[in-house]
Each structure stands twice: as C-alpha cells, then as structure tokens.
Amino acid sequence: MSTYLIVGAKGQLGSDCMRQFDGLEIVGIDLPEVDISDRQQCFDLLESVRPEVIVNCAAYTAVDACETEKDACWRANADAPGYLAEWAGRNKSFLIHVSTDYVFPGNRPLFESLSESDEAGPVSEYGRSKLAGEQRIVDRTDRFAILRTAWLYGRSGKNFLKTMLRLTLQNPEKELKVVADQYGSPTWSETLARQIRVVAEKQAAGIFHATSEGYCNWYELACAFLEELSIKHNFVPCSTDEYPTPAKRPANSILENTRLKELGINVFKNWRDELKNFAVAHGEDVQKEVKKS
C-alpha cells in the first residue's frame, strides 16, 4: 500500500485531507513539527517517511501580512514546495500542491471565468509567492498536480464565514460592511480534500482549477451563510475602495475547472449546495466554537 504524506495536517484543508484519506497509509505533519521551508529538515522528513504521494496543504495564507512579512511568506509559499518537488523528482513520488486564484490579476471582465491556460499575473505578494511555488514545482519534477482553489472555508481553522458569524453574534444590531464588487467561487475544504484524493488515486498530472461551481461576491456569501444558519444579520454591501486593505484583491477570480471536467473527475457542486451541506454538517459546531472565541 502506498504511503501518503499530508503536509499541514492540522490546518483547515489538511485536517479534511486526513479524514478523506482515512483507511490508507497516511502520515500527517504540521509546520511547528517540521520546518519544510528548511531544505535539510524537509529532506530529513521525506527520507524518514519515504512517501509515494505527498499532499502539500501548508501555506502562508495571511494575504495582508504577506505584504510586510515577505521572508516568511516566500519561505512557506515558494521555498517549501520547491524542496518537496526536488525530493519528489529524485524519488519518483507524486506531489500534489494546493495553489490559489491569487496567481491571476483579477482584471478579466465580469463574469468571465479563468481556465488553466490563461496567463497568470499576480498583483499581491501572496500571489507572487504562490506563483513562484508553482514554477519551482514545474521546474523540479514532472510528477505533480497543482490545484488552484479559491475562497476556502471549512470546519477547522479561521476563515471568512467564521469571521462574519463571530462579528454578527458579538453585535447583532451593528451594520457590517462587506465587499460586493469582488467575485469568486466559495469552496468547501471537505470537497477539495475529496477532489485531492481522486487526483491522487488517478495520478492526474498538471495544473488544475479546483473550486465549487458558480460564483458570488463576498457580501452574497456572507448573507447566504447566515441565512443557512437562520441567524439575523445586518450586512451592508460596499465597494473595494470603501474597504481598503494592504494587499490588492482580484476583482474577478472566478475559476473554471476545465481540466478536471475534461478528465471526468470533477467532484464539485454549485457553491450554494456546498454551503448548505456545510451548514447542515457543521453549522451547530461552528456556532459553538465562535461563541467561545
């Protein structure tokens, strides 16, 4: 039986991958345990496990912090996947790496989607570091799958949905401005983990887009989630200019899962159906967690 190494196993996506790969021979590690952005530590880990499949869910995802904490950002998002790819290439392991919609500039006319063949052009430090990670993988191994995802949410870790829920529960009457002119495809980490397992089993190689079907803006997503939980909210739509952030966000990061569909292995449903399933499965637990925080 093949050994699967899940890197970032305690994070939002990594924890779902650990559950999705249950029943297989899996080893999970997290960044506090091993610094995979250190080449020697990374190689020592890989030599000890000797995985046939590596799933890299680890990343520095604090998009605004990446603008100032560039060293940490590039070590996690570019150096680490490069070292994983170097070892994988030498040892004929299959590397699955999770990337992002932020590798694109986001200036495609609404509501045109982006396919894997469209030219990248990141406009943030986070996006530039993630694209560099992709390029290092491509340069160092030919046995890889890069899955670009977007607007990820899940049961574990921090995410936009939990933030909107927490702010609402803290002060139900307060108006909360939410950006309504940035569009993307909200993606449940559990479904992405299931897609990763399918890609691993098929050893499907190359660059893939991997998001839920359809699209919305952040305001629509926040409203839809609270309504699924039957919680009254007071969200107000606003423009990006009204809610400035250190890092520039793509206005249009709608991804099309072209290659997954061509291979007949796309597992994603419409984002509203995924959100409903998430709320049914984890809504009560998420509310309890947020109330304690």
Protein backbone atom coordinates (compact mmCIF):
# COMPACT_ATOMS: atom_id res chain seq x y z
CA MET A 1 0.00 0.00 0.00
CA SER A 2 1.26 3.48 -0.89
CA THR A 3 2.24 5.88 1.88
CA TYR A 4 0.64 9.32 1.75
CA LEU A 5 2.26 12.28 3.49
CA ILE A 6 -0.11 15.14 4.35
CA VAL A 7 1.83 18.36 4.98
CA GLY A 8 -0.11 20.91 7.03
CA ALA A 9 -2.25 18.16 8.54
CA LYS A 10 -3.72 20.28 11.34
CA GLY A 11 -4.88 23.15 9.14
CA GLN A 12 -8.27 23.78 7.59
CA LEU A 13 -7.65 21.73 4.45
CA GLY A 14 -5.07 19.36 5.89
CA SER A 15 -7.41 18.11 8.61
CA ASP A 16 -10.06 17.37 6.00
CA CYS A 17 -7.47 15.54 3.89
CA MET A 18 -6.56 13.41 6.90
CA ARG A 19 -10.21 12.37 7.18
CA GLN A 20 -10.67 11.87 3.43
CA PHE A 21 -7.58 9.64 3.23
CA ASP A 22 -8.72 7.55 6.18
CA GLY A 23 -8.21 3.85 5.53
CA LEU A 24 -4.97 4.43 3.64
CA GLU A 25 -1.44 4.52 4.99
CA ILE A 26 -1.12 8.20 5.88
CA VAL A 27 1.37 10.29 7.83
CA GLY A 28 0.39 13.81 8.83
CA ILE A 29 2.82 16.54 9.85
CA ASP A 30 2.39 20.22 10.59
CA LEU A 31 4.74 23.17 10.30
CA PRO A 32 5.51 23.57 14.02
CA GLU A 33 6.77 19.96 13.98
CA VAL A 34 8.94 20.23 10.85
CA ASP A 35 10.02 23.37 9.01
CA ILE A 36 9.70 22.23 5.40
CA SER A 37 10.98 25.63 4.23
CA ASP A 38 14.36 24.46 5.57
CA ARG A 39 15.78 22.17 2.89
CA GLN A 40 17.57 19.84 5.31
CA GLN A 41 14.58 19.45 7.64
CA CYS A 42 12.32 18.88 4.64
CA PHE A 43 14.59 16.21 3.17
CA ASP A 44 15.10 14.52 6.56
CA LEU A 45 11.34 14.23 6.95
CA LEU A 46 10.83 12.85 3.47
CA GLU A 47 13.65 10.33 3.83
CA SER A 48 12.15 9.07 7.08
CA VAL A 49 8.65 8.65 5.63
CA ARG A 50 9.51 7.76 2.01
CA PRO A 51 6.02 8.68 0.75
CA GLU A 52 4.78 7.61 -2.66
CA VAL A 53 2.36 10.57 -2.61
CA ILE A 54 2.94 13.98 -0.99
CA VAL A 55 -0.03 16.30 -0.42
CA ASN A 56 1.09 19.83 0.44
CA CYS A 57 -1.70 21.76 2.16
CA ALA A 58 0.68 24.08 4.02
CA ALA A 59 0.97 27.74 3.08
CA TYR A 60 1.32 31.25 4.45
CA THR A 61 -2.20 32.49 3.73
CA ALA A 62 -2.39 35.77 5.68
CA VAL A 63 -2.71 37.79 2.48
CA ASP A 64 -2.29 41.25 4.00
CA ALA A 65 0.55 40.18 6.30
CA CYS A 66 2.41 38.84 3.25
CA GLU A 67 2.92 42.43 2.10
CA THR A 68 5.25 43.09 5.06
CA GLU A 69 6.29 39.62 6.24
CA LYS A 70 7.80 38.76 2.88
CA ASP A 71 10.50 36.40 4.11
CA ALA A 72 8.04 34.13 5.95
CA CYS A 73 5.64 34.35 3.02
CA TRP A 74 8.21 33.28 0.42
CA ARG A 75 9.74 30.56 2.58
CA ALA A 76 6.36 28.89 3.05
CA ASN A 77 4.84 29.51 -0.37
CA ALA A 78 7.85 29.23 -2.69
CA ASP A 79 10.84 27.61 -0.96
CA ALA A 80 8.93 24.79 0.76
CA PRO A 81 7.05 23.49 -2.31
CA GLY A 82 10.30 23.75 -4.24
CA TYR A 83 12.07 21.45 -1.79
CA LEU A 84 9.15 19.00 -1.80
CA ALA A 85 9.28 18.94 -5.60
CA GLU A 86 13.05 18.47 -5.63
CA TRP A 87 12.81 15.38 -3.43
CA ALA A 88 9.74 14.08 -5.26
CA GLY A 89 11.51 14.42 -8.60
CA ARG A 90 14.52 12.48 -7.40
CA ASN A 91 12.45 9.74 -5.80
CA LYS A 92 9.61 9.41 -8.31
CA SER A 93 6.95 10.41 -5.80
CA PHE A 94 3.73 12.13 -6.87
CA LEU A 95 3.39 15.65 -5.46
CA ILE A 96 0.01 17.34 -5.02
CA HIS A 97 0.25 21.03 -4.19
CA VAL A 98 -2.54 23.49 -3.40
CA SER A 99 -2.31 26.91 -5.02
CA THR A 100 -4.64 29.88 -5.38
CA ASP A 101 -6.74 32.15 -7.58
CA TYR A 102 -4.43 34.98 -6.48
CA VAL A 103 -1.92 33.95 -9.16
CA PHE A 104 -4.20 35.89 -11.54
CA PRO A 105 -4.52 39.70 -11.66
CA GLY A 106 -8.30 39.61 -11.39
CA ASN A 107 -8.90 42.07 -14.22
CA ARG A 108 -10.84 39.70 -16.50
CA PRO A 109 -14.23 41.25 -17.40
CA LEU A 110 -17.06 40.12 -15.14
CA PHE A 111 -18.27 37.41 -15.29
CA GLU A 112 -15.80 35.60 -17.47
CA SER A 113 -14.10 32.63 -15.83
CA LEU A 114 -10.41 31.73 -15.89
CA SER A 115 -9.12 28.42 -17.19
CA GLU A 116 -5.79 26.75 -16.51
CA SER A 117 -4.38 28.01 -19.81
CA ASP A 118 -4.96 31.69 -19.01
CA GLU A 119 -1.88 33.76 -18.27
CA ALA A 120 -1.05 34.37 -14.62
CA GLY A 121 -0.12 37.82 -13.34
CA PRO A 122 -0.37 38.21 -9.56
CA VAL A 123 -0.84 41.68 -8.05
CA SER A 124 -0.04 40.85 -4.40
CA GLU A 125 2.98 39.45 -2.58
CA TYR A 126 0.91 36.42 -1.62
CA GLY A 127 0.01 35.78 -5.25
CA ARG A 128 3.58 36.28 -6.43
CA SER A 129 4.93 33.84 -3.83
CA LYS A 130 2.32 31.21 -4.71
CA LEU A 131 3.06 31.52 -8.43
CA ALA A 132 6.77 31.15 -7.66
CA GLY A 133 5.95 27.96 -5.75
CA GLU A 134 4.09 26.62 -8.79
CA GLN A 135 7.02 27.43 -11.06
CA ARG A 136 9.54 25.71 -8.82
CA ILE A 137 7.42 22.57 -8.81
CA VAL A 138 7.16 22.57 -12.61
CA ASP A 139 10.92 23.08 -12.89
CA ARG A 140 11.87 20.28 -10.48
CA THR A 141 9.53 17.37 -11.14
CA ASP A 142 7.21 16.09 -13.85
CA ARG A 143 5.07 14.05 -11.44
CA PHE A 144 2.88 16.72 -9.88
CA ALA A 145 -0.65 18.07 -9.66
CA ILE A 146 -1.15 21.72 -8.75
CA LEU A 147 -4.73 22.50 -7.66
CA ARG A 148 -5.66 26.18 -7.68
CA THR A 149 -8.56 26.83 -5.36
CA ALA A 150 -10.33 29.93 -4.02
CA TRP A 151 -12.33 31.37 -1.13
CA LEU A 152 -11.77 28.30 1.03
CA TYR A 153 -13.87 27.64 4.13
CA GLY A 154 -14.22 24.65 6.41
CA ARG A 155 -14.81 23.25 9.88
CA SER A 156 -11.24 23.76 11.12
CA GLY A 157 -9.14 26.90 11.30
CA LYS A 158 -10.01 30.50 10.55
CA ASN A 159 -12.00 31.65 7.54
CA PHE A 160 -14.26 34.40 6.22
CA LEU A 161 -17.50 32.66 7.20
CA LYS A 162 -16.46 32.24 10.82
CA THR A 163 -15.39 35.87 10.97
CA MET A 164 -18.75 37.08 9.66
CA LEU A 165 -20.58 34.83 12.11
CA ARG A 166 -18.47 35.97 15.06
CA LEU A 167 -18.90 39.68 14.29
CA THR A 168 -22.66 39.23 13.92
CA LEU A 169 -23.06 37.31 17.18
CA GLN A 170 -20.93 39.85 19.06
CA ASN A 171 -23.13 42.77 18.00
CA PRO A 172 -26.27 41.71 16.07
CA GLU A 173 -27.51 45.29 15.53
CA LYS A 174 -24.26 46.71 14.17
CA GLU A 175 -24.02 47.33 10.45
CA LEU A 176 -21.15 45.36 8.90
CA LYS A 177 -19.78 46.46 5.56
CA VAL A 178 -18.93 43.56 3.25
CA VAL A 179 -17.26 43.92 -0.15
CA ALA A 180 -19.66 43.35 -3.03
CA ASP A 181 -17.51 44.01 -6.10
CA GLN A 182 -15.08 41.09 -5.85
CA TYR A 183 -16.28 37.80 -7.34
CA GLY A 184 -15.12 34.23 -6.87
CA SER A 185 -16.23 30.68 -6.17
CA PRO A 186 -16.54 29.77 -2.46
CA THR A 187 -15.08 26.31 -1.90
CA TRP A 188 -15.66 23.88 0.97
CA SER A 189 -12.37 22.40 2.15
CA GLU A 190 -14.01 18.99 2.62
CA THR A 191 -14.94 18.82 -1.06
CA LEU A 192 -11.48 19.98 -2.08
CA ALA A 193 -9.99 17.22 0.07
CA ARG A 194 -12.21 14.71 -1.71
CA GLN A 195 -11.03 16.10 -5.05
CA ILE A 196 -7.41 15.76 -3.93
CA ARG A 197 -7.96 12.09 -3.13
CA VAL A 198 -9.42 11.49 -6.60
CA VAL A 199 -6.45 13.25 -8.22
CA ALA A 200 -4.06 11.19 -6.08
CA GLU A 201 -5.75 7.91 -6.98
CA LYS A 202 -5.75 8.76 -10.70
CA GLN A 203 -2.25 10.28 -10.53
CA ALA A 204 -3.69 13.05 -12.72
CA ALA A 205 -0.79 15.36 -13.54
CA GLY A 206 -0.58 19.03 -14.40
CA ILE A 207 -2.25 22.26 -13.29
CA PHE A 208 -5.94 22.14 -12.34
CA HIS A 209 -8.52 24.63 -11.18
CA ALA A 210 -10.48 23.23 -8.25
CA THR A 211 -13.36 25.33 -6.94
CA SER A 212 -17.08 24.98 -6.44
CA GLU A 213 -19.30 25.71 -9.43
CA GLY A 214 -20.84 29.14 -9.89
CA TYR A 215 -19.78 32.39 -8.27
CA CYS A 216 -20.83 35.20 -5.96
CA ASN A 217 -19.34 38.21 -4.17
CA TRP A 218 -18.28 38.38 -0.54
CA TYR A 219 -21.48 40.16 0.52
CA GLU A 220 -23.65 37.50 -1.11
CA LEU A 221 -21.61 34.76 0.53
CA ALA A 222 -21.88 36.27 3.99
CA CYS A 223 -25.65 36.70 3.63
CA ALA A 224 -26.14 33.18 2.29
CA PHE A 225 -24.21 31.59 5.17
CA LEU A 226 -26.03 33.43 7.95
CA GLU A 227 -29.36 32.70 6.28
CA GLU A 228 -28.48 28.99 6.14
CA LEU A 229 -27.96 29.19 9.92
CA SER A 230 -31.22 31.17 10.37
CA ILE A 231 -29.31 33.98 12.04
CA LYS A 232 -30.41 37.57 11.54
CA HIS A 233 -27.65 39.77 10.18
CA ASN A 234 -27.06 43.40 9.31
CA PHE A 235 -24.63 43.22 6.38
CA VAL A 236 -24.30 46.21 4.08
CA PRO A 237 -22.68 45.91 0.62
CA CYS A 238 -19.69 48.14 -0.05
CA SER A 239 -17.04 48.64 -2.72
CA THR A 240 -13.40 47.63 -2.53
CA ASP A 241 -12.50 51.33 -2.36
CA GLU A 242 -14.63 51.67 0.76
CA TYR A 243 -12.80 48.77 2.42
CA PRO A 244 -9.10 49.25 1.60
CA THR A 245 -6.59 46.53 2.53
CA PRO A 246 -2.77 46.36 2.35
CA ALA A 247 -2.90 43.69 -0.37
CA LYS A 248 -4.78 44.16 -3.61
CA ARG A 249 -7.53 41.58 -4.16
CA PRO A 250 -8.65 40.26 -7.56
CA ALA A 251 -11.97 41.72 -8.67
CA ASN A 252 -12.67 38.63 -10.76
CA SER A 253 -11.16 35.35 -9.58
CA ILE A 254 -13.83 33.04 -10.96
CA LEU A 255 -12.06 29.82 -11.87
CA GLU A 256 -13.34 27.19 -14.30
CA ASN A 257 -12.44 23.55 -13.57
CA THR A 258 -11.72 22.90 -17.22
CA ARG A 259 -9.13 20.12 -16.92
CA LEU A 260 -10.92 18.22 -14.14
CA LYS A 261 -14.02 18.14 -16.32
CA GLU A 262 -12.07 17.07 -19.40
CA LEU A 263 -10.75 14.10 -17.42
CA GLY A 264 -14.19 13.33 -15.97
CA ILE A 265 -13.00 13.63 -12.37
CA ASN A 266 -14.59 16.92 -11.21
CA VAL A 267 -16.38 16.35 -7.87
CA PHE A 268 -17.55 19.89 -7.16
CA LYS A 269 -21.18 21.04 -7.00
CA ASN A 270 -22.66 24.54 -7.08
CA TRP A 271 -21.34 26.72 -4.26
CA ARG A 272 -24.83 27.21 -2.77
CA ASP A 273 -25.37 23.46 -2.49
CA GLU A 274 -21.91 23.04 -0.94
CA LEU A 275 -22.61 25.85 1.53
CA LYS A 276 -25.93 24.29 2.53
CA ASN A 277 -24.25 20.93 3.11
CA PHE A 278 -21.54 22.60 5.19
CA ALA A 279 -24.14 24.41 7.31
CA VAL A 280 -26.08 21.20 7.90
CA ALA A 281 -22.95 19.19 8.76
CA HIS A 282 -21.06 21.74 10.84
CA GLY A 283 -23.23 24.81 11.45
CA GLU A 284 -24.03 23.97 15.07
CA ASP A 285 -20.41 23.19 15.95
CA VAL A 286 -19.15 26.33 14.23
CA GLN A 287 -21.61 28.46 16.19
CA LYS A 288 -20.46 26.89 19.47
CA GLU A 289 -16.81 27.46 18.56
CA VAL A 290 -17.39 31.08 17.57
CA LYS A 291 -19.35 31.86 20.74
CA LYS A 292 -16.44 30.61 22.84
CA SER A 293 -13.84 32.68 20.98
